[in-house]
N, C-alpha and C. Protein backbone atom coordinates (compact mmCIF):
# COMPACT_ATOMS: atom_id res chain seq x y z
N MET A 1 -56.41 122.30 -30.98
CA MET A 1 -56.87 123.15 -32.05
C MET A 1 -57.32 122.28 -33.22
N ARG A 2 -58.36 122.72 -33.90
CA ARG A 2 -58.85 122.00 -35.09
C ARG A 2 -58.12 122.56 -36.32
N ILE A 3 -57.37 121.71 -37.01
CA ILE A 3 -56.54 122.13 -38.12
C ILE A 3 -56.89 121.33 -39.36
N ALA A 4 -57.13 122.02 -40.46
CA ALA A 4 -57.32 121.40 -41.76
C ALA A 4 -55.98 121.43 -42.49
N ILE A 5 -55.67 120.36 -43.21
CA ILE A 5 -54.39 120.31 -43.92
C ILE A 5 -54.60 119.66 -45.28
N GLY A 6 -53.86 120.14 -46.27
CA GLY A 6 -53.94 119.57 -47.61
C GLY A 6 -52.68 119.89 -48.38
N SER A 7 -52.44 119.08 -49.41
CA SER A 7 -51.24 119.28 -50.22
C SER A 7 -51.46 118.75 -51.62
N ASP A 8 -50.54 119.11 -52.49
CA ASP A 8 -50.44 118.43 -53.77
C ASP A 8 -49.39 117.35 -53.61
N HIS A 9 -49.01 116.73 -54.72
CA HIS A 9 -48.03 115.64 -54.68
C HIS A 9 -46.67 116.09 -54.17
N ALA A 10 -46.28 117.33 -54.48
CA ALA A 10 -44.96 117.82 -54.09
C ALA A 10 -44.87 118.17 -52.61
N GLY A 11 -45.99 118.29 -51.93
CA GLY A 11 -46.01 118.57 -50.51
C GLY A 11 -46.47 117.39 -49.68
N PHE A 12 -46.70 116.26 -50.33
CA PHE A 12 -47.29 115.09 -49.67
C PHE A 12 -46.46 114.56 -48.50
N GLN A 13 -45.16 114.44 -48.67
CA GLN A 13 -44.32 113.85 -47.62
C GLN A 13 -44.34 114.70 -46.35
N TYR A 14 -44.19 116.01 -46.49
CA TYR A 14 -44.21 116.89 -45.32
C TYR A 14 -45.61 116.93 -44.70
N LYS A 15 -46.64 116.86 -45.53
CA LYS A 15 -48.01 116.85 -45.00
C LYS A 15 -48.19 115.66 -44.08
N GLN A 16 -47.77 114.50 -44.52
CA GLN A 16 -47.91 113.28 -43.71
C GLN A 16 -47.12 113.43 -42.40
N MET A 17 -45.93 113.96 -42.49
CA MET A 17 -45.10 114.15 -41.31
C MET A 17 -45.74 115.14 -40.34
N LEU A 18 -46.26 116.26 -40.87
CA LEU A 18 -46.88 117.27 -40.01
C LEU A 18 -48.15 116.75 -39.34
N ILE A 19 -48.91 115.94 -40.04
CA ILE A 19 -50.11 115.34 -39.43
C ILE A 19 -49.72 114.55 -38.19
N THR A 20 -48.70 113.75 -38.31
CA THR A 20 -48.23 112.95 -37.18
C THR A 20 -47.77 113.84 -36.03
N VAL A 21 -46.96 114.84 -36.34
CA VAL A 21 -46.44 115.75 -35.31
C VAL A 21 -47.59 116.49 -34.62
N LEU A 22 -48.51 117.02 -35.39
CA LEU A 22 -49.61 117.80 -34.83
C LEU A 22 -50.53 116.95 -33.96
N ARG A 23 -50.84 115.75 -34.42
CA ARG A 23 -51.70 114.86 -33.61
C ARG A 23 -51.00 114.46 -32.32
N THR A 24 -49.70 114.22 -32.39
CA THR A 24 -48.93 113.88 -31.18
C THR A 24 -49.01 115.02 -30.17
N ARG A 25 -49.12 116.24 -30.65
CA ARG A 25 -49.17 117.42 -29.78
C ARG A 25 -50.60 117.75 -29.35
N GLY A 26 -51.55 116.89 -29.68
CA GLY A 26 -52.91 117.06 -29.20
C GLY A 26 -53.87 117.81 -30.10
N HIS A 27 -53.45 118.15 -31.30
CA HIS A 27 -54.32 118.86 -32.23
C HIS A 27 -55.23 117.87 -32.96
N GLU A 28 -56.41 118.33 -33.32
CA GLU A 28 -57.32 117.55 -34.15
C GLU A 28 -57.05 117.96 -35.60
N VAL A 29 -56.57 117.03 -36.39
CA VAL A 29 -56.15 117.34 -37.76
C VAL A 29 -56.98 116.53 -38.75
N THR A 30 -57.53 117.23 -39.74
CA THR A 30 -58.26 116.57 -40.83
C THR A 30 -57.49 116.76 -42.12
N ASP A 31 -57.23 115.65 -42.78
CA ASP A 31 -56.45 115.63 -44.02
C ASP A 31 -57.40 115.71 -45.22
N PHE A 32 -57.24 116.75 -46.02
CA PHE A 32 -58.05 116.94 -47.21
C PHE A 32 -57.38 116.37 -48.46
N GLY A 33 -56.29 115.61 -48.29
CA GLY A 33 -55.60 115.01 -49.42
C GLY A 33 -54.50 115.91 -49.93
N THR A 34 -53.82 115.43 -50.88
CA THR A 34 -53.86 114.23 -51.66
C THR A 34 -53.36 113.05 -50.84
N ASP A 35 -53.57 111.86 -51.38
CA ASP A 35 -53.27 110.65 -50.63
C ASP A 35 -52.04 109.90 -51.12
N SER A 36 -51.27 110.52 -52.01
CA SER A 36 -50.06 109.87 -52.52
C SER A 36 -49.17 110.92 -53.19
N PRO A 37 -47.94 110.53 -53.52
CA PRO A 37 -47.06 111.46 -54.24
C PRO A 37 -47.29 111.47 -55.75
N GLU A 38 -48.38 110.85 -56.22
CA GLU A 38 -48.71 110.88 -57.65
C GLU A 38 -49.19 112.27 -58.04
N SER A 39 -48.80 112.73 -59.21
CA SER A 39 -49.11 114.07 -59.68
C SER A 39 -50.62 114.36 -59.66
N VAL A 40 -50.98 115.53 -59.09
CA VAL A 40 -52.38 115.97 -59.02
C VAL A 40 -52.44 117.47 -59.29
N ASP A 41 -53.64 117.97 -59.49
CA ASP A 41 -53.87 119.40 -59.66
C ASP A 41 -54.16 120.00 -58.29
N TYR A 42 -53.25 120.82 -57.79
CA TYR A 42 -53.32 121.30 -56.40
C TYR A 42 -54.59 122.06 -56.04
N PRO A 43 -55.24 122.82 -56.94
CA PRO A 43 -56.46 123.51 -56.50
C PRO A 43 -57.54 122.57 -55.96
N ASN A 44 -57.57 121.34 -56.47
CA ASN A 44 -58.58 120.38 -56.01
C ASN A 44 -58.43 120.01 -54.54
N TYR A 45 -57.26 120.20 -53.97
CA TYR A 45 -57.00 119.84 -52.58
C TYR A 45 -56.85 121.06 -51.67
N ILE A 46 -56.46 122.17 -52.24
CA ILE A 46 -56.21 123.36 -51.45
C ILE A 46 -57.48 124.16 -51.20
N ARG A 47 -58.31 124.32 -52.22
CA ARG A 47 -59.55 125.10 -52.06
C ARG A 47 -60.44 124.52 -50.96
N PRO A 48 -60.64 123.20 -50.87
CA PRO A 48 -61.48 122.68 -49.78
C PRO A 48 -60.92 122.98 -48.39
N VAL A 49 -59.61 123.01 -48.24
CA VAL A 49 -59.01 123.38 -46.95
C VAL A 49 -59.39 124.83 -46.62
N ALA A 50 -59.20 125.71 -47.58
CA ALA A 50 -59.50 127.13 -47.37
C ALA A 50 -60.98 127.35 -47.08
N GLU A 51 -61.84 126.66 -47.80
CA GLU A 51 -63.28 126.80 -47.57
C GLU A 51 -63.66 126.31 -46.17
N ALA A 52 -63.03 125.23 -45.72
CA ALA A 52 -63.32 124.69 -44.38
C ALA A 52 -62.88 125.66 -43.29
N VAL A 53 -61.75 126.34 -43.49
CA VAL A 53 -61.29 127.33 -42.52
C VAL A 53 -62.19 128.56 -42.57
N ALA A 54 -62.51 129.03 -43.77
CA ALA A 54 -63.36 130.21 -43.92
C ALA A 54 -64.74 130.00 -43.31
N SER A 55 -65.26 128.78 -43.35
CA SER A 55 -66.58 128.49 -42.81
C SER A 55 -66.59 128.42 -41.28
N GLY A 56 -65.39 128.34 -40.68
CA GLY A 56 -65.30 128.23 -39.24
C GLY A 56 -65.28 126.80 -38.73
N THR A 57 -65.34 125.84 -39.63
CA THR A 57 -65.29 124.43 -39.23
C THR A 57 -63.94 124.10 -38.62
N PHE A 58 -62.90 124.76 -39.10
CA PHE A 58 -61.54 124.59 -38.58
C PHE A 58 -61.00 125.95 -38.17
N GLU A 59 -60.15 125.95 -37.13
CA GLU A 59 -59.56 127.20 -36.65
C GLU A 59 -58.41 127.66 -37.54
N ARG A 60 -57.66 126.72 -38.06
CA ARG A 60 -56.49 127.04 -38.89
C ARG A 60 -56.37 126.04 -40.03
N GLY A 61 -55.60 126.43 -41.05
CA GLY A 61 -55.34 125.56 -42.18
C GLY A 61 -53.89 125.62 -42.60
N ILE A 62 -53.37 124.47 -43.02
CA ILE A 62 -52.00 124.37 -43.52
C ILE A 62 -52.07 123.72 -44.89
N VAL A 63 -51.42 124.34 -45.88
CA VAL A 63 -51.36 123.77 -47.22
C VAL A 63 -49.90 123.70 -47.65
N LEU A 64 -49.61 122.68 -48.45
CA LEU A 64 -48.23 122.44 -48.86
C LEU A 64 -48.14 122.09 -50.33
N GLY A 65 -47.03 122.50 -50.92
CA GLY A 65 -46.71 122.15 -52.30
C GLY A 65 -45.20 122.13 -52.44
N GLY A 66 -44.74 122.17 -53.68
CA GLY A 66 -43.30 122.21 -53.90
C GLY A 66 -42.69 123.51 -53.42
N SER A 67 -43.27 124.63 -53.84
CA SER A 67 -42.80 125.95 -53.39
C SER A 67 -43.77 126.58 -52.41
N GLY A 68 -45.02 126.19 -52.45
CA GLY A 68 -46.06 126.80 -51.62
C GLY A 68 -46.73 128.00 -52.27
N ASN A 69 -46.19 128.48 -53.37
CA ASN A 69 -46.74 129.68 -54.01
C ASN A 69 -48.15 129.47 -54.55
N GLY A 70 -48.32 128.46 -55.37
CA GLY A 70 -49.63 128.21 -55.97
C GLY A 70 -50.68 127.93 -54.91
N GLU A 71 -50.28 127.21 -53.88
CA GLU A 71 -51.21 126.86 -52.81
C GLU A 71 -51.70 128.11 -52.08
N ALA A 72 -50.78 129.04 -51.80
CA ALA A 72 -51.17 130.29 -51.14
C ALA A 72 -52.10 131.10 -52.03
N ILE A 73 -51.84 131.11 -53.31
CA ILE A 73 -52.69 131.86 -54.25
C ILE A 73 -54.10 131.29 -54.24
N VAL A 74 -54.22 129.97 -54.33
CA VAL A 74 -55.55 129.34 -54.32
C VAL A 74 -56.28 129.66 -53.02
N ALA A 75 -55.61 129.47 -51.91
CA ALA A 75 -56.26 129.70 -50.61
C ALA A 75 -56.74 131.13 -50.48
N ASN A 76 -55.94 132.08 -50.92
CA ASN A 76 -56.30 133.49 -50.77
C ASN A 76 -57.43 133.93 -51.69
N ARG A 77 -57.86 133.10 -52.59
CA ARG A 77 -59.02 133.40 -53.43
C ARG A 77 -60.33 133.19 -52.67
N VAL A 78 -60.25 132.53 -51.52
CA VAL A 78 -61.44 132.25 -50.71
C VAL A 78 -61.64 133.39 -49.72
N ARG A 79 -62.81 134.00 -49.75
CA ARG A 79 -63.11 135.14 -48.87
C ARG A 79 -62.94 134.73 -47.41
N GLY A 80 -62.26 135.57 -46.66
CA GLY A 80 -62.06 135.32 -45.24
C GLY A 80 -60.75 134.61 -44.92
N ILE A 81 -60.02 134.23 -45.95
CA ILE A 81 -58.74 133.55 -45.74
C ILE A 81 -57.60 134.55 -45.87
N ARG A 82 -56.68 134.45 -44.93
CA ARG A 82 -55.43 135.19 -44.99
C ARG A 82 -54.32 134.14 -44.88
N CYS A 83 -53.89 133.66 -46.03
CA CYS A 83 -52.89 132.59 -46.10
C CYS A 83 -51.53 133.19 -46.40
N ALA A 84 -50.59 132.94 -45.51
CA ALA A 84 -49.24 133.47 -45.66
C ALA A 84 -48.30 132.37 -46.15
N LEU A 85 -47.51 132.69 -47.14
CA LEU A 85 -46.44 131.80 -47.58
C LEU A 85 -45.29 132.00 -46.60
N CYS A 86 -44.97 130.95 -45.84
CA CYS A 86 -43.93 131.06 -44.82
C CYS A 86 -42.71 130.24 -45.23
N TRP A 87 -41.54 130.84 -45.06
CA TRP A 87 -40.30 130.19 -45.46
C TRP A 87 -39.31 130.06 -44.30
N ASN A 88 -39.63 130.72 -43.17
CA ASN A 88 -38.80 130.59 -41.98
C ASN A 88 -39.63 130.96 -40.76
N VAL A 89 -39.06 130.81 -39.59
CA VAL A 89 -39.77 131.06 -38.34
C VAL A 89 -40.22 132.51 -38.25
N GLU A 90 -39.38 133.44 -38.63
CA GLU A 90 -39.73 134.85 -38.54
C GLU A 90 -40.93 135.20 -39.43
N SER A 91 -40.99 134.63 -40.64
CA SER A 91 -42.14 134.90 -41.52
C SER A 91 -43.41 134.33 -40.91
N ALA A 92 -43.32 133.20 -40.24
CA ALA A 92 -44.50 132.60 -39.58
C ALA A 92 -44.95 133.46 -38.40
N LYS A 93 -44.00 133.94 -37.63
CA LYS A 93 -44.32 134.79 -36.47
C LYS A 93 -45.03 136.06 -36.92
N LEU A 94 -44.51 136.71 -37.95
CA LEU A 94 -45.11 137.94 -38.44
C LEU A 94 -46.46 137.70 -39.11
N ALA A 95 -46.61 136.54 -39.74
CA ALA A 95 -47.89 136.20 -40.37
C ALA A 95 -49.02 136.19 -39.35
N ARG A 96 -48.73 135.71 -38.17
CA ARG A 96 -49.73 135.70 -37.10
C ARG A 96 -49.80 137.05 -36.39
N ALA A 97 -48.66 137.57 -35.96
CA ALA A 97 -48.64 138.77 -35.14
C ALA A 97 -49.18 139.99 -35.87
N HIS A 98 -48.85 140.14 -37.14
CA HIS A 98 -49.24 141.33 -37.89
C HIS A 98 -50.40 141.10 -38.84
N ASN A 99 -50.53 139.89 -39.37
CA ASN A 99 -51.54 139.63 -40.40
C ASN A 99 -52.68 138.74 -39.96
N ASP A 100 -52.63 138.22 -38.74
CA ASP A 100 -53.66 137.32 -38.22
C ASP A 100 -53.94 136.19 -39.23
N ALA A 101 -52.88 135.64 -39.81
CA ALA A 101 -53.02 134.60 -40.83
C ALA A 101 -53.72 133.38 -40.25
N ASN A 102 -54.81 132.98 -40.89
CA ASN A 102 -55.53 131.78 -40.45
C ASN A 102 -55.11 130.55 -41.24
N MET A 103 -54.24 130.75 -42.22
CA MET A 103 -53.66 129.64 -42.97
C MET A 103 -52.20 129.97 -43.29
N ILE A 104 -51.41 128.92 -43.45
CA ILE A 104 -50.06 129.08 -43.97
C ILE A 104 -49.85 128.09 -45.10
N SER A 105 -48.94 128.47 -45.97
CA SER A 105 -48.53 127.64 -47.08
C SER A 105 -47.03 127.39 -46.96
N LEU A 106 -46.64 126.13 -47.13
CA LEU A 106 -45.24 125.75 -47.03
C LEU A 106 -44.78 125.06 -48.30
N GLY A 107 -43.53 125.28 -48.66
CA GLY A 107 -42.93 124.63 -49.81
C GLY A 107 -42.00 123.52 -49.37
N GLU A 108 -42.37 122.29 -49.64
CA GLU A 108 -41.55 121.15 -49.23
C GLU A 108 -40.15 121.20 -49.82
N ARG A 109 -40.04 121.71 -51.03
CA ARG A 109 -38.73 121.77 -51.70
C ARG A 109 -37.88 122.94 -51.22
N MET A 110 -38.43 123.77 -50.35
CA MET A 110 -37.77 125.00 -49.93
C MET A 110 -37.19 124.96 -48.52
N MET A 111 -37.45 123.87 -47.78
CA MET A 111 -37.04 123.85 -46.37
C MET A 111 -36.84 122.43 -45.89
N THR A 112 -36.14 122.30 -44.78
CA THR A 112 -35.95 121.00 -44.16
C THR A 112 -37.21 120.63 -43.37
N ARG A 113 -37.30 119.36 -43.01
CA ARG A 113 -38.41 118.90 -42.16
C ARG A 113 -38.41 119.64 -40.83
N GLU A 114 -37.23 119.80 -40.26
CA GLU A 114 -37.11 120.48 -38.98
C GLU A 114 -37.59 121.93 -39.08
N ASP A 115 -37.24 122.59 -40.16
CA ASP A 115 -37.69 123.97 -40.35
C ASP A 115 -39.21 124.02 -40.51
N ALA A 116 -39.78 123.07 -41.23
CA ALA A 116 -41.23 123.03 -41.42
C ALA A 116 -41.94 122.90 -40.08
N VAL A 117 -41.45 122.03 -39.21
CA VAL A 117 -42.06 121.85 -37.88
C VAL A 117 -41.90 123.13 -37.07
N ALA A 118 -40.74 123.74 -37.09
CA ALA A 118 -40.52 124.98 -36.33
C ALA A 118 -41.42 126.10 -36.83
N ILE A 119 -41.61 126.19 -38.12
CA ILE A 119 -42.49 127.21 -38.71
C ILE A 119 -43.92 126.99 -38.24
N VAL A 120 -44.40 125.76 -38.32
CA VAL A 120 -45.77 125.46 -37.90
C VAL A 120 -45.94 125.72 -36.41
N ASP A 121 -44.99 125.28 -35.61
CA ASP A 121 -45.07 125.52 -34.16
C ASP A 121 -45.15 127.01 -33.85
N THR A 122 -44.32 127.80 -34.49
CA THR A 122 -44.31 129.24 -34.27
C THR A 122 -45.64 129.86 -34.66
N TRP A 123 -46.13 129.47 -35.82
CA TRP A 123 -47.40 130.01 -36.33
C TRP A 123 -48.57 129.64 -35.40
N LEU A 124 -48.56 128.44 -34.88
CA LEU A 124 -49.66 128.01 -34.02
C LEU A 124 -49.63 128.68 -32.65
N THR A 125 -48.47 129.08 -32.18
CA THR A 125 -48.36 129.61 -30.83
C THR A 125 -48.23 131.13 -30.76
N THR A 126 -48.12 131.79 -31.89
CA THR A 126 -48.00 133.24 -31.90
C THR A 126 -49.39 133.88 -31.93
N ALA A 127 -49.61 134.82 -31.04
CA ALA A 127 -50.89 135.53 -30.98
C ALA A 127 -50.88 136.71 -31.95
N PHE A 128 -52.06 137.10 -32.37
CA PHE A 128 -52.23 138.31 -33.16
C PHE A 128 -52.00 139.51 -32.26
N ASP A 129 -51.18 140.47 -32.70
CA ASP A 129 -50.86 141.65 -31.90
C ASP A 129 -52.03 142.61 -31.75
N GLY A 130 -52.96 142.59 -32.69
CA GLY A 130 -54.06 143.55 -32.64
C GLY A 130 -53.54 144.96 -32.88
N GLY A 131 -54.06 145.92 -32.11
CA GLY A 131 -53.59 147.30 -32.22
C GLY A 131 -53.72 147.85 -33.63
N ARG A 132 -52.64 148.44 -34.09
CA ARG A 132 -52.65 149.09 -35.41
C ARG A 132 -52.93 148.13 -36.55
N HIS A 133 -52.75 146.83 -36.30
CA HIS A 133 -52.95 145.83 -37.35
C HIS A 133 -54.42 145.51 -37.60
N VAL A 134 -55.28 145.77 -36.63
CA VAL A 134 -56.71 145.47 -36.76
C VAL A 134 -57.30 146.19 -37.96
N LYS A 135 -57.02 147.48 -38.09
CA LYS A 135 -57.54 148.26 -39.21
C LYS A 135 -57.10 147.66 -40.55
N ARG A 136 -55.87 147.23 -40.61
CA ARG A 136 -55.34 146.66 -41.85
C ARG A 136 -56.01 145.34 -42.17
N ILE A 137 -56.26 144.53 -41.18
CA ILE A 137 -56.96 143.26 -41.40
C ILE A 137 -58.37 143.52 -41.88
N GLN A 138 -59.02 144.51 -41.29
CA GLN A 138 -60.37 144.89 -41.73
C GLN A 138 -60.36 145.35 -43.18
N MET A 139 -59.33 146.06 -43.58
CA MET A 139 -59.21 146.51 -44.97
C MET A 139 -59.02 145.32 -45.92
N ILE A 140 -58.22 144.36 -45.49
CA ILE A 140 -58.00 143.15 -46.31
C ILE A 140 -59.30 142.41 -46.49
N ASP A 141 -60.04 142.24 -45.39
CA ASP A 141 -61.25 141.43 -45.41
C ASP A 141 -62.45 142.13 -46.03
N ALA A 142 -62.36 143.45 -46.21
CA ALA A 142 -63.50 144.21 -46.75
C ALA A 142 -63.77 143.87 -48.21
């Protein structure tokens, strides 16, 4: 799968770790930055990830910050993006199954490395349920 990923300084360590894990599992991952744990303005790194996913260049996008809140807000400002703030495996599963989330946002300060990997794995492998959720997705995207 083609995955775009980006973070601010507070999500940098987990971003680097996830890039390694995802590439090891055969995914094509493009890093949109940041390139260090030095303080940066997160919209500069998150919006390009969302735009790349919205354009269809990437199938999915992952963004990270300290809490993940600001990153999800920025991503969701881009038309065609449904970015879910995920804090556990169940939230990731429902983000895909019910919301057809094409992006997720994670908070490095909110979870362990192991939880972050489990969340991403669940999100990547869960299919959209369709059915009654299709109408709701169409309403979101309208």
